[in-house]
Amino acid sequence: MSKYDRYLIRFGTILMDHWLTMINVALLIFIAPILLYPYFMSTGNPTLVFIAGAILAAYHTTCHQLPERSLFIFGYQMAVCSRCFAIYVSFLAGGILFYFLRSRLKPFNIIYYIILCIPMAIDGFAQLFGVPIPRGIGPGGQLIWTELSNNGLRLITGGIFGLGSALFVLPYMQKIFDMEEEAHQQPEPVPPTTGPQE
């Protein structure tokens, strides 16, 4: 076995043992700049403002970043919209929750996952195509019908989608890694021996 093969095997072993930690750490690293952008902008420090500009440009590839659909902290909008932020944070929350449920939470039917996606789909597509739907309750208890969503609904629907995605995807990944580990632990079949030839 070559040195390269040993490195690959060692990396595969680490991945199988710590894949959930890697995903959660990667998500945390991905989310942190979203919050750092408004803070860096608020400092007025030229270096930090320059870094903030690079952060905003980088996250523009993943989000429209419309100010009216974003949350504001430190007087500046976050680097992504409220719905995207809710998806990322809730997926991370699902990943952390899965640490404690991974031995009990099994993969569930995709139908349930589709149901969890419906609220965000309705809210997003209704706004995209200008279809009025009830998005609130007025002072007299009447439904408020509007074409535009609001950040409260974006956070709720994005959070449902992100948490549902984590609790749908991660158990399947756990099952795949468990099957791989079981396959490696099985002894290799011993070839049949043949008796002496007469």
C-alpha atoms as a PDB file:
ATOM      1  CA  MET A   1       0.000   0.000   0.000  1.00  0.00           C
ATOM      2  CA  SER A   2       1.415   3.362  -1.048  1.00  0.00           C
ATOM      3  CA  LYS A   3       1.742   6.425   1.195  1.00  0.00           C
ATOM      4  CA  TYR A   4      -0.952   8.130  -0.904  1.00  0.00           C
ATOM      5  CA  ASP A   5      -3.365   5.235  -0.287  1.00  0.00           C
ATOM      6  CA  ARG A   6      -2.751   5.381   3.465  1.00  0.00           C
ATOM      7  CA  TYR A   7      -3.545   9.108   3.492  1.00  0.00           C
ATOM      8  CA  LEU A   8      -6.785   8.480   1.589  1.00  0.00           C
ATOM      9  CA  ILE A   9      -7.822   5.740   3.998  1.00  0.00           C
ATOM     10  CA  ARG A  10      -7.016   7.929   6.994  1.00  0.00           C
ATOM     11  CA  PHE A  11      -8.996  10.834   5.525  1.00  0.00           C
ATOM     12  CA  GLY A  12     -11.935   8.529   4.824  1.00  0.00           C
ATOM     13  CA  THR A  13     -11.857   7.260   8.409  1.00  0.00           C
ATOM     14  CA  ILE A  14     -11.840  10.810   9.804  1.00  0.00           C
ATOM     15  CA  LEU A  15     -14.695  11.765   7.487  1.00  0.00           C
ATOM     16  CA  MET A  16     -16.799   8.798   8.570  1.00  0.00           C
ATOM     17  CA  ASP A  17     -16.195   9.516  12.259  1.00  0.00           C
ATOM     18  CA  HIS A  18     -16.604  13.312  12.215  1.00  0.00           C
ATOM     19  CA  TRP A  19     -18.710  14.161   9.162  1.00  0.00           C
ATOM     20  CA  LEU A  20     -21.455  15.843  11.209  1.00  0.00           C
ATOM     21  CA  THR A  21     -18.961  18.037  13.043  1.00  0.00           C
ATOM     22  CA  MET A  22     -17.405  19.037   9.714  1.00  0.00           C
ATOM     23  CA  ILE A  23     -20.793  20.037   8.291  1.00  0.00           C
ATOM     24  CA  ASN A  24     -21.746  22.062  11.365  1.00  0.00           C
ATOM     25  CA  VAL A  25     -18.380  23.828  11.532  1.00  0.00           C
ATOM     26  CA  ALA A  26     -18.561  24.609   7.802  1.00  0.00           C
ATOM     27  CA  LEU A  27     -22.046  26.077   8.264  1.00  0.00           C
ATOM     28  CA  LEU A  28     -20.886  28.146  11.224  1.00  0.00           C
ATOM     29  CA  ILE A  29     -17.993  29.511   9.179  1.00  0.00           C
ATOM     30  CA  PHE A  30     -20.431  30.258   6.344  1.00  0.00           C
ATOM     31  CA  ILE A  31     -22.912  32.072   8.618  1.00  0.00           C
ATOM     32  CA  ALA A  32     -20.393  34.138  10.600  1.00  0.00           C
ATOM     33  CA  PRO A  33     -19.540  36.632   7.800  1.00  0.00           C
ATOM     34  CA  ILE A  34     -23.270  37.308   7.291  1.00  0.00           C
ATOM     35  CA  LEU A  35     -23.294  38.803  10.790  1.00  0.00           C
ATOM     36  CA  LEU A  36     -19.814  40.306  10.561  1.00  0.00           C
ATOM     37  CA  TYR A  37     -20.665  42.345   7.454  1.00  0.00           C
ATOM     38  CA  PRO A  38     -22.962  44.878   9.215  1.00  0.00           C
ATOM     39  CA  TYR A  39     -20.609  45.052  12.193  1.00  0.00           C
ATOM     40  CA  PHE A  40     -17.591  45.770   9.993  1.00  0.00           C
ATOM     41  CA  MET A  41     -19.575  48.435   8.132  1.00  0.00           C
ATOM     42  CA  SER A  42     -20.629  50.078  11.395  1.00  0.00           C
ATOM     43  CA  THR A  43     -17.030  50.510  12.591  1.00  0.00           C
ATOM     44  CA  GLY A  44     -16.115  52.913   9.780  1.00  0.00           C
ATOM     45  CA  ASN A  45     -12.634  51.385   9.760  1.00  0.00           C
ATOM     46  CA  PRO A  46     -11.384  51.500   6.140  1.00  0.00           C
ATOM     47  CA  THR A  47      -9.851  48.031   6.333  1.00  0.00           C
ATOM     48  CA  LEU A  48     -12.942  46.449   7.867  1.00  0.00           C
ATOM     49  CA  VAL A  49     -15.218  48.302   5.449  1.00  0.00           C
ATOM     50  CA  PHE A  50     -13.151  46.925   2.571  1.00  0.00           C
ATOM     51  CA  ILE A  51     -13.490  43.391   3.987  1.00  0.00           C
ATOM     52  CA  ALA A  52     -17.221  43.992   4.404  1.00  0.00           C
ATOM     53  CA  GLY A  53     -17.487  44.933   0.738  1.00  0.00           C
ATOM     54  CA  ALA A  54     -15.770  41.675  -0.232  1.00  0.00           C
ATOM     55  CA  ILE A  55     -18.177  39.735   2.000  1.00  0.00           C
ATOM     56  CA  LEU A  56     -21.211  41.391   0.412  1.00  0.00           C
ATOM     57  CA  ALA A  57     -19.915  40.663  -3.081  1.00  0.00           C
ATOM     58  CA  ALA A  58     -19.232  37.026  -2.219  1.00  0.00           C
ATOM     59  CA  TYR A  59     -22.703  36.421  -0.781  1.00  0.00           C
ATOM     60  CA  HIS A  60     -24.360  38.155  -3.705  1.00  0.00           C
ATOM     61  CA  THR A  61     -23.784  34.901  -5.613  1.00  0.00           C
ATOM     62  CA  THR A  62     -26.201  33.158  -3.221  1.00  0.00           C
ATOM     63  CA  CYS A  63     -28.822  35.854  -2.503  1.00  0.00           C
ATOM     64  CA  HIS A  64     -30.511  38.893  -4.075  1.00  0.00           C
ATOM     65  CA  GLN A  65     -29.670  40.966  -0.944  1.00  0.00           C
ATOM     66  CA  LEU A  66     -32.634  43.315  -1.343  1.00  0.00           C
ATOM     67  CA  PRO A  67     -32.638  45.726   1.642  1.00  0.00           C
ATOM     68  CA  GLU A  68     -36.422  45.604   2.072  1.00  0.00           C
ATOM     69  CA  ARG A  69     -36.230  41.819   2.470  1.00  0.00           C
ATOM     70  CA  SER A  70     -33.260  41.795   4.846  1.00  0.00           C
ATOM     71  CA  LEU A  71     -32.695  42.116   8.570  1.00  0.00           C
ATOM     72  CA  PHE A  72     -30.653  45.036   9.923  1.00  0.00           C
ATOM     73  CA  ILE A  73     -28.195  45.008  12.818  1.00  0.00           C
ATOM     74  CA  PHE A  74     -25.662  47.677  13.796  1.00  0.00           C
ATOM     75  CA  GLY A  75     -27.568  49.953  11.415  1.00  0.00           C
ATOM     76  CA  TYR A  76     -26.748  47.903   8.302  1.00  0.00           C
ATOM     77  CA  GLN A  77     -28.446  45.027   6.530  1.00  0.00           C
ATOM     78  CA  MET A  78     -27.071  41.519   6.804  1.00  0.00           C
ATOM     79  CA  ALA A  79     -25.154  40.059   3.883  1.00  0.00           C
ATOM     80  CA  VAL A  80     -28.138  37.890   2.876  1.00  0.00           C
ATOM     81  CA  CYS A  81     -31.908  38.320   3.017  1.00  0.00           C
ATOM     82  CA  SER A  82     -33.971  37.263   6.009  1.00  0.00           C
ATOM     83  CA  ARG A  83     -35.209  34.049   4.361  1.00  0.00           C
ATOM     84  CA  CYS A  84     -31.728  32.854   3.396  1.00  0.00           C
ATOM     85  CA  PHE A  85     -30.443  33.703   6.864  1.00  0.00           C
ATOM     86  CA  ALA A  86     -33.263  31.695   8.446  1.00  0.00           C
ATOM     87  CA  ILE A  87     -32.515  28.708   6.201  1.00  0.00           C
ATOM     88  CA  TYR A  88     -28.808  28.672   7.061  1.00  0.00           C
ATOM     89  CA  VAL A  89     -29.292  29.154  10.807  1.00  0.00           C
ATOM     90  CA  SER A  90     -32.097  26.606  11.099  1.00  0.00           C
ATOM     91  CA  PHE A  91     -30.091  24.033   9.129  1.00  0.00           C
ATOM     92  CA  LEU A  92     -27.224  24.567  11.577  1.00  0.00           C
ATOM     93  CA  ALA A  93     -29.694  24.229  14.463  1.00  0.00           C
ATOM     94  CA  GLY A  94     -30.900  20.975  12.908  1.00  0.00           C
ATOM     95  CA  GLY A  95     -27.323  19.758  12.632  1.00  0.00           C
ATOM     96  CA  ILE A  96     -26.667  20.501  16.298  1.00  0.00           C
ATOM     97  CA  LEU A  97     -29.975  18.881  17.276  1.00  0.00           C
ATOM     98  CA  PHE A  98     -29.031  15.798  15.280  1.00  0.00           C
ATOM     99  CA  TYR A  99     -26.029  15.296  17.568  1.00  0.00           C
ATOM    100  CA  PHE A 100     -28.478  14.297  20.285  1.00  0.00           C
ATOM    101  CA  LEU A 101     -30.965  12.460  18.051  1.00  0.00           C
ATOM    102  CA  ARG A 102     -28.711  10.599  15.628  1.00  0.00           C
ATOM    103  CA  SER A 103     -29.235   7.248  17.357  1.00  0.00           C
ATOM    104  CA  ARG A 104     -33.027   7.675  17.397  1.00  0.00           C
ATOM    105  CA  LEU A 105     -33.950   9.795  14.385  1.00  0.00           C
ATOM    106  CA  LYS A 106     -34.311   7.636  11.300  1.00  0.00           C
ATOM    107  CA  PRO A 107     -34.799   8.789   7.678  1.00  0.00           C
ATOM    108  CA  PHE A 108     -38.407   9.791   7.095  1.00  0.00           C
ATOM    109  CA  ASN A 109     -40.545   9.685   3.990  1.00  0.00           C
ATOM    110  CA  ILE A 110     -39.904  12.393   1.412  1.00  0.00           C
ATOM    111  CA  ILE A 111     -43.618  13.234   1.465  1.00  0.00           C
ATOM    112  CA  TYR A 112     -43.184  14.752   4.929  1.00  0.00           C
ATOM    113  CA  TYR A 113     -40.238  16.777   3.688  1.00  0.00           C
ATOM    114  CA  ILE A 114     -42.293  18.109   0.771  1.00  0.00           C
ATOM    115  CA  ILE A 115     -44.983  19.166   3.267  1.00  0.00           C
ATOM    116  CA  LEU A 116     -42.345  21.140   5.204  1.00  0.00           C
ATOM    117  CA  CYS A 117     -41.298  22.877   1.969  1.00  0.00           C
ATOM    118  CA  ILE A 118     -44.842  23.985   1.082  1.00  0.00           C
ATOM    119  CA  PRO A 119     -45.062  27.079   3.356  1.00  0.00           C
ATOM    120  CA  MET A 120     -41.938  28.644   1.848  1.00  0.00           C
ATOM    121  CA  ALA A 121     -43.014  27.706  -1.669  1.00  0.00           C
ATOM    122  CA  ILE A 122     -46.422  29.331  -1.230  1.00  0.00           C
ATOM    123  CA  ASP A 123     -44.977  32.479   0.349  1.00  0.00           C
ATOM    124  CA  GLY A 124     -42.218  32.835  -2.242  1.00  0.00           C
ATOM    125  CA  PHE A 125     -44.158  32.035  -5.395  1.00  0.00           C
ATOM    126  CA  ALA A 126     -47.169  34.131  -4.346  1.00  0.00           C
ATOM    127  CA  GLN A 127     -44.873  37.120  -3.985  1.00  0.00           C
ATOM    128  CA  LEU A 128     -43.020  36.324  -7.212  1.00  0.00           C
ATOM    129  CA  PHE A 129     -46.211  36.160  -9.285  1.00  0.00           C
ATOM    130  CA  GLY A 130     -48.105  38.868  -7.395  1.00  0.00           C
ATOM    131  CA  VAL A 131     -50.813  36.618  -5.957  1.00  0.00           C
ATOM    132  CA  PRO A 132     -52.480  38.041  -2.817  1.00  0.00           C
ATOM    133  CA  ILE A 133     -52.578  35.595   0.087  1.00  0.00           C
ATOM    134  CA  PRO A 134     -53.345  36.121   3.798  1.00  0.00           C
ATOM    135  CA  ARG A 135     -50.104  37.170   5.482  1.00  0.00           C
ATOM    136  CA  GLY A 136     -51.368  38.613   8.745  1.00  0.00           C
ATOM    137  CA  ILE A 137     -54.294  39.405  11.028  1.00  0.00           C
ATOM    138  CA  GLY A 138     -55.675  42.909  11.423  1.00  0.00           C
ATOM    139  CA  PRO A 139     -56.856  44.636  14.639  1.00  0.00           C
ATOM    140  CA  GLY A 140     -60.399  43.320  14.202  1.00  0.00           C
ATOM    141  CA  GLY A 141     -59.258  39.756  13.571  1.00  0.00           C
ATOM    142  CA  GLN A 142     -59.692  40.022   9.802  1.00  0.00           C
ATOM    143  CA  LEU A 143     -57.128  38.448   7.484  1.00  0.00           C
ATOM    144  CA  ILE A 144     -54.721  40.817   5.748  1.00  0.00           C
ATOM    145  CA  TRP A 145     -54.353  39.839   2.089  1.00  0.00           C
ATOM    146  CA  THR A 146     -51.276  41.153   0.323  1.00  0.00           C
ATOM    147  CA  GLU A 147     -49.003  40.265  -2.578  1.00  0.00           C
ATOM    148  CA  LEU A 148     -45.810  41.067  -0.677  1.00  0.00           C
ATOM    149  CA  SER A 149     -44.405  38.929   2.095  1.00  0.00           C
ATOM    150  CA  ASN A 150     -42.770  40.307   5.229  1.00  0.00           C
ATOM    151  CA  ASN A 151     -39.626  39.448   7.122  1.00  0.00           C
ATOM    152  CA  GLY A 152     -41.564  37.657   9.846  1.00  0.00           C
ATOM    153  CA  LEU A 153     -43.034  35.190   7.357  1.00  0.00           C
ATOM    154  CA  ARG A 154     -39.701  34.887   5.550  1.00  0.00           C
ATOM    155  CA  LEU A 155     -38.015  33.922   8.814  1.00  0.00           C
ATOM    156  CA  ILE A 156     -40.738  31.418   9.737  1.00  0.00           C
ATOM    157  CA  THR A 157     -41.010  29.722   6.347  1.00  0.00           C
ATOM    158  CA  GLY A 158     -37.237  29.737   5.799  1.00  0.00           C
ATOM    159  CA  GLY A 159     -36.728  28.300   9.276  1.00  0.00           C
ATOM    160  CA  ILE A 160     -39.204  25.484   8.644  1.00  0.00           C
ATOM    161  CA  PHE A 161     -37.510  24.673   5.344  1.00  0.00           C
ATOM    162  CA  GLY A 162     -33.983  24.772   6.785  1.00  0.00           C
ATOM    163  CA  LEU A 163     -34.767  22.664   9.849  1.00  0.00           C
ATOM    164  CA  GLY A 164     -36.781  20.214   7.758  1.00  0.00           C
ATOM    165  CA  SER A 165     -33.923  19.923   5.258  1.00  0.00           C
ATOM    166  CA  ALA A 166     -31.408  19.166   8.012  1.00  0.00           C
ATOM    167  CA  LEU A 167     -33.586  16.548   9.682  1.00  0.00           C
ATOM    168  CA  PHE A 168     -34.344  14.974   6.297  1.00  0.00           C
ATOM    169  CA  VAL A 169     -30.832  14.928   4.795  1.00  0.00           C
ATOM    170  CA  LEU A 170     -28.668  14.194   7.843  1.00  0.00           C
ATOM    171  CA  PRO A 171     -30.322  10.865   8.847  1.00  0.00           C
ATOM    172  CA  TYR A 172     -29.808   9.616   5.283  1.00  0.00           C
ATOM    173  CA  MET A 173     -26.145  10.613   5.445  1.00  0.00           C
ATOM    174  CA  GLN A 174     -25.830   8.846   8.807  1.00  0.00           C
ATOM    175  CA  LYS A 175     -27.354   5.709   7.289  1.00  0.00           C
ATOM    176  CA  ILE A 176     -24.907   5.799   4.370  1.00  0.00           C
ATOM    177  CA  PHE A 177     -21.879   6.150   6.662  1.00  0.00           C
ATOM    178  CA  ASP A 178     -23.205   3.395   8.957  1.00  0.00           C
ATOM    179  CA  MET A 179     -23.568   1.055   5.990  1.00  0.00           C
ATOM    180  CA  GLU A 180     -20.030   1.872   4.860  1.00  0.00           C
ATOM    181  CA  GLU A 181     -18.667   1.190   8.325  1.00  0.00           C
ATOM    182  CA  GLU A 182     -20.514  -2.135   8.536  1.00  0.00           C
ATOM    183  CA  ALA A 183     -19.168  -3.125   5.130  1.00  0.00           C
ATOM    184  CA  HIS A 184     -15.584  -2.424   6.237  1.00  0.00           C
ATOM    185  CA  GLN A 185     -16.042  -4.388   9.454  1.00  0.00           C
ATOM    186  CA  GLN A 186     -17.235  -7.539   7.696  1.00  0.00           C
ATOM    187  CA  PRO A 187     -14.428 -10.128   7.327  1.00  0.00           C
ATOM    188  CA  GLU A 188     -13.240 -10.804   3.821  1.00  0.00           C
ATOM    189  CA  PRO A 189     -14.488 -14.128   2.457  1.00  0.00           C
ATOM    190  CA  VAL A 190     -11.919 -16.914   2.608  1.00  0.00           C
ATOM    191  CA  PRO A 191     -11.436 -18.568  -0.779  1.00  0.00           C
ATOM    192  CA  PRO A 192     -12.359 -22.256  -0.766  1.00  0.00           C
ATOM    193  CA  THR A 193      -9.423 -24.630  -0.529  1.00  0.00           C
ATOM    194  CA  THR A 194      -9.070 -27.534  -2.862  1.00  0.00           C
ATOM    195  CA  GLY A 195      -7.838 -30.940  -1.783  1.00  0.00           C
ATOM    196  CA  PRO A 196      -4.638 -32.499  -3.087  1.00  0.00           C
ATOM    197  CA  GLN A 197      -4.765 -33.567  -6.689  1.00  0.00           C
ATOM    198  CA  GLU A 198      -4.344 -37.286  -7.240  1.00  0.00           C
END
